[in-house]
Amino acid sequence: MKISKDAARAARQLFRLSHKDGRLDGGLIKEITSRIAESKPRGYLAILQEYARLLRLEAGKFQALIESAIELGAQAGNALVDDLRAKYGDDLKAEFRVNPELIGGMRVKVGSDVWDGSVRARLTELKNKL
């Protein structure tokens, strides 16, 4: 869905107002959304949709998805999470999944950053080169 420039600008302003001490504040988010829903400014649905999209993107920056072909040991998993927290901040949450389709190795996704060191990715890359 195409969003108007005014709605996008309003959503960005609301997004900036949603931060307290450099972090998203749930109380501010609730207050902002309830005020927008009550006052119903022009294009408020588009504003709220864009605002929700911006919030999802920001929240995704603090969620790591770690996929591996076999289950990682506690020590390896903790070391990986510690390295990711050093890069992305201490409030990073990690989710581990076993994905046998990777064949070997692992894939790490944090926000829009993806590191794919799986055997499947390497085979696909080799196939594309041939």
C-alpha atoms as a PDB file:
ATOM      1  CA  MET A   1       0.000   0.000   0.000  1.00  0.00           C
ATOM      2  CA  LYS A   2       1.310   3.407  -0.956  1.00  0.00           C
ATOM      3  CA  ILE A   3       1.493   5.899   1.895  1.00  0.00           C
ATOM      4  CA  SER A   4       1.291   9.661   1.528  1.00  0.00           C
ATOM      5  CA  LYS A   5       4.284  11.828   2.367  1.00  0.00           C
ATOM      6  CA  ASP A   6       2.347  13.558   5.128  1.00  0.00           C
ATOM      7  CA  ALA A   7       1.398  10.252   6.767  1.00  0.00           C
ATOM      8  CA  ALA A   8       4.983   8.989   6.539  1.00  0.00           C
ATOM      9  CA  ARG A   9       6.300  12.226   8.027  1.00  0.00           C
ATOM     10  CA  ALA A  10       3.775  12.081  10.869  1.00  0.00           C
ATOM     11  CA  ALA A  11       4.662   8.438  11.586  1.00  0.00           C
ATOM     12  CA  ARG A  12       8.384   9.272  11.737  1.00  0.00           C
ATOM     13  CA  GLN A  13       7.668  12.127  14.156  1.00  0.00           C
ATOM     14  CA  LEU A  14       5.614   9.811  16.354  1.00  0.00           C
ATOM     15  CA  PHE A  15       8.395   7.243  16.202  1.00  0.00           C
ATOM     16  CA  ARG A  16      10.937   9.803  17.409  1.00  0.00           C
ATOM     17  CA  LEU A  17       8.587  10.752  20.258  1.00  0.00           C
ATOM     18  CA  SER A  18       8.337   7.078  21.297  1.00  0.00           C
ATOM     19  CA  HIS A  19      11.878   7.033  22.680  1.00  0.00           C
ATOM     20  CA  LYS A  20      12.883   7.717  26.250  1.00  0.00           C
ATOM     21  CA  ASP A  21      16.587   7.724  27.114  1.00  0.00           C
ATOM     22  CA  GLY A  22      17.397   6.404  23.639  1.00  0.00           C
ATOM     23  CA  ARG A  23      15.076   3.375  23.901  1.00  0.00           C
ATOM     24  CA  LEU A  24      11.521   2.647  22.895  1.00  0.00           C
ATOM     25  CA  ASP A  25       9.120   3.206  25.770  1.00  0.00           C
ATOM     26  CA  GLY A  26       6.015   1.004  25.846  1.00  0.00           C
ATOM     27  CA  GLY A  27       4.040   3.548  27.861  1.00  0.00           C
ATOM     28  CA  LEU A  28       4.734   6.288  25.343  1.00  0.00           C
ATOM     29  CA  ILE A  29       3.797   3.984  22.479  1.00  0.00           C
ATOM     30  CA  LYS A  30       0.436   3.149  24.078  1.00  0.00           C
ATOM     31  CA  GLU A  31      -0.258   6.810  24.789  1.00  0.00           C
ATOM     32  CA  ILE A  32       0.622   7.871  21.240  1.00  0.00           C
ATOM     33  CA  THR A  33      -1.484   5.187  19.579  1.00  0.00           C
ATOM     34  CA  SER A  34      -4.491   5.856  21.807  1.00  0.00           C
ATOM     35  CA  ARG A  35      -4.297   9.604  21.150  1.00  0.00           C
ATOM     36  CA  ILE A  36      -4.101   9.056  17.398  1.00  0.00           C
ATOM     37  CA  ALA A  37      -7.010   6.584  17.516  1.00  0.00           C
ATOM     38  CA  GLU A  38      -9.121   9.019  19.551  1.00  0.00           C
ATOM     39  CA  SER A  39      -8.391  12.188  17.590  1.00  0.00           C
ATOM     40  CA  LYS A  40      -8.478  10.448  14.181  1.00  0.00           C
ATOM     41  CA  PRO A  41      -6.484  12.967  12.152  1.00  0.00           C
ATOM     42  CA  ARG A  42      -6.584  12.848   8.383  1.00  0.00           C
ATOM     43  CA  GLY A  43      -5.065   9.585   7.151  1.00  0.00           C
ATOM     44  CA  TYR A  44      -4.747   8.200  10.677  1.00  0.00           C
ATOM     45  CA  LEU A  45      -4.917   4.553   9.544  1.00  0.00           C
ATOM     46  CA  ALA A  46      -1.961   5.053   7.196  1.00  0.00           C
ATOM     47  CA  ILE A  47      -0.100   6.884   9.970  1.00  0.00           C
ATOM     48  CA  LEU A  48      -0.688   4.028  12.421  1.00  0.00           C
ATOM     49  CA  GLN A  49       0.328   1.395   9.862  1.00  0.00           C
ATOM     50  CA  GLU A  50       3.584   3.179   9.078  1.00  0.00           C
ATOM     51  CA  TYR A  51       4.190   3.796  12.793  1.00  0.00           C
ATOM     52  CA  ALA A  52       3.715   0.066  13.481  1.00  0.00           C
ATOM     53  CA  ARG A  53       6.126  -0.783  10.652  1.00  0.00           C
ATOM     54  CA  LEU A  54       8.789   1.517  12.118  1.00  0.00           C
ATOM     55  CA  LEU A  55       8.289  -0.021  15.564  1.00  0.00           C
ATOM     56  CA  ARG A  56       8.627  -3.565  14.147  1.00  0.00           C
ATOM     57  CA  LEU A  57      11.861  -2.627  12.387  1.00  0.00           C
ATOM     58  CA  GLU A  58      13.289  -1.099  15.553  1.00  0.00           C
ATOM     59  CA  ALA A  59      12.277  -4.092  17.684  1.00  0.00           C
ATOM     60  CA  GLY A  60      13.853  -6.442  15.129  1.00  0.00           C
ATOM     61  CA  LYS A  61      17.231  -4.833  15.752  1.00  0.00           C
ATOM     62  CA  PHE A  62      17.246  -6.386  19.218  1.00  0.00           C
ATOM     63  CA  GLN A  63      16.139  -9.901  18.258  1.00  0.00           C
ATOM     64  CA  ALA A  64      18.626 -12.478  16.983  1.00  0.00           C
ATOM     65  CA  LEU A  65      17.589 -15.665  15.222  1.00  0.00           C
ATOM     66  CA  ILE A  66      20.354 -18.270  15.251  1.00  0.00           C
ATOM     67  CA  GLU A  67      19.744 -21.325  13.059  1.00  0.00           C
ATOM     68  CA  SER A  68      22.103 -24.281  12.986  1.00  0.00           C
ATOM     69  CA  ALA A  69      22.041 -27.700  11.367  1.00  0.00           C
ATOM     70  CA  ILE A  70      22.506 -29.388  14.751  1.00  0.00           C
ATOM     71  CA  GLU A  71      21.794 -28.180  18.256  1.00  0.00           C
ATOM     72  CA  LEU A  72      24.528 -25.902  19.581  1.00  0.00           C
ATOM     73  CA  GLY A  73      26.086 -26.657  22.922  1.00  0.00           C
ATOM     74  CA  ALA A  74      25.498 -24.275  25.815  1.00  0.00           C
ATOM     75  CA  GLN A  75      29.067 -22.982  25.743  1.00  0.00           C
ATOM     76  CA  ALA A  76      29.055 -22.293  21.981  1.00  0.00           C
ATOM     77  CA  GLY A  77      25.618 -20.681  22.151  1.00  0.00           C
ATOM     78  CA  ASN A  78      26.588 -18.441  25.058  1.00  0.00           C
ATOM     79  CA  ALA A  79      29.808 -17.377  23.330  1.00  0.00           C
ATOM     80  CA  LEU A  80      27.881 -16.503  20.165  1.00  0.00           C
ATOM     81  CA  VAL A  81      25.276 -14.504  22.087  1.00  0.00           C
ATOM     82  CA  ASP A  82      28.022 -12.666  23.992  1.00  0.00           C
ATOM     83  CA  ASP A  83      29.683 -11.699  20.699  1.00  0.00           C
ATOM     84  CA  LEU A  84      26.371 -10.484  19.271  1.00  0.00           C
ATOM     85  CA  ARG A  85      25.611  -8.480  22.414  1.00  0.00           C
ATOM     86  CA  ALA A  86      29.007  -6.818  22.162  1.00  0.00           C
ATOM     87  CA  LYS A  87      28.057  -5.659  18.676  1.00  0.00           C
ATOM     88  CA  TYR A  88      24.324  -4.898  19.097  1.00  0.00           C
ATOM     89  CA  GLY A  89      23.932  -4.080  22.795  1.00  0.00           C
ATOM     90  CA  ASP A  90      23.140  -5.871  26.022  1.00  0.00           C
ATOM     91  CA  ASP A  91      19.378  -5.940  25.490  1.00  0.00           C
ATOM     92  CA  LEU A  92      19.659  -8.320  22.511  1.00  0.00           C
ATOM     93  CA  LYS A  93      17.449 -11.394  22.826  1.00  0.00           C
ATOM     94  CA  ALA A  94      18.467 -14.593  21.060  1.00  0.00           C
ATOM     95  CA  GLU A  95      16.363 -17.436  19.729  1.00  0.00           C
ATOM     96  CA  PHE A  96      17.988 -20.716  18.728  1.00  0.00           C
ATOM     97  CA  ARG A  97      16.489 -23.044  16.117  1.00  0.00           C
ATOM     98  CA  VAL A  98      17.638 -26.299  14.611  1.00  0.00           C
ATOM     99  CA  ASN A  99      17.205 -26.341  10.834  1.00  0.00           C
ATOM    100  CA  PRO A 100      18.436 -29.597   9.235  1.00  0.00           C
ATOM    101  CA  GLU A 101      17.975 -28.065   5.755  1.00  0.00           C
ATOM    102  CA  LEU A 102      21.162 -26.047   6.356  1.00  0.00           C
ATOM    103  CA  ILE A 103      23.109 -29.352   6.093  1.00  0.00           C
ATOM    104  CA  GLY A 104      25.919 -27.872   8.215  1.00  0.00           C
ATOM    105  CA  GLY A 105      27.056 -24.558   9.669  1.00  0.00           C
ATOM    106  CA  MET A 106      24.732 -21.823  10.854  1.00  0.00           C
ATOM    107  CA  ARG A 107      22.762 -18.741   9.838  1.00  0.00           C
ATOM    108  CA  VAL A 108      22.460 -15.695  12.120  1.00  0.00           C
ATOM    109  CA  LYS A 109      19.903 -12.943  11.540  1.00  0.00           C
ATOM    110  CA  VAL A 110      19.754  -9.757  13.617  1.00  0.00           C
ATOM    111  CA  GLY A 111      17.363  -7.140  12.278  1.00  0.00           C
ATOM    112  CA  SER A 112      18.248  -6.795   8.610  1.00  0.00           C
ATOM    113  CA  ASP A 113      21.785  -8.209   9.047  1.00  0.00           C
ATOM    114  CA  VAL A 114      22.204 -11.833   7.950  1.00  0.00           C
ATOM    115  CA  TRP A 115      25.335 -13.971   8.187  1.00  0.00           C
ATOM    116  CA  ASP A 116      24.901 -17.257   6.365  1.00  0.00           C
ATOM    117  CA  GLY A 117      27.741 -19.697   6.874  1.00  0.00           C
ATOM    118  CA  SER A 118      25.673 -22.774   6.095  1.00  0.00           C
ATOM    119  CA  VAL A 119      26.690 -25.546   3.737  1.00  0.00           C
ATOM    120  CA  ARG A 120      23.410 -25.094   1.882  1.00  0.00           C
ATOM    121  CA  ALA A 121      24.235 -21.433   1.126  1.00  0.00           C
ATOM    122  CA  ARG A 122      27.688 -22.394  -0.098  1.00  0.00           C
ATOM    123  CA  LEU A 123      26.262 -25.116  -2.343  1.00  0.00           C
ATOM    124  CA  THR A 124      23.704 -22.682  -3.757  1.00  0.00           C
ATOM    125  CA  GLU A 125      26.449 -20.143  -4.421  1.00  0.00           C
ATOM    126  CA  LEU A 126      28.556 -22.779  -6.143  1.00  0.00           C
ATOM    127  CA  LYS A 127      25.580 -23.893  -8.234  1.00  0.00           C
ATOM    128  CA  ASN A 128      24.932 -20.296  -9.328  1.00  0.00           C
ATOM    129  CA  LYS A 129      28.578 -19.871 -10.382  1.00  0.00           C
ATOM    130  CA  LEU A 130      28.453 -22.984 -12.529  1.00  0.00           C
END
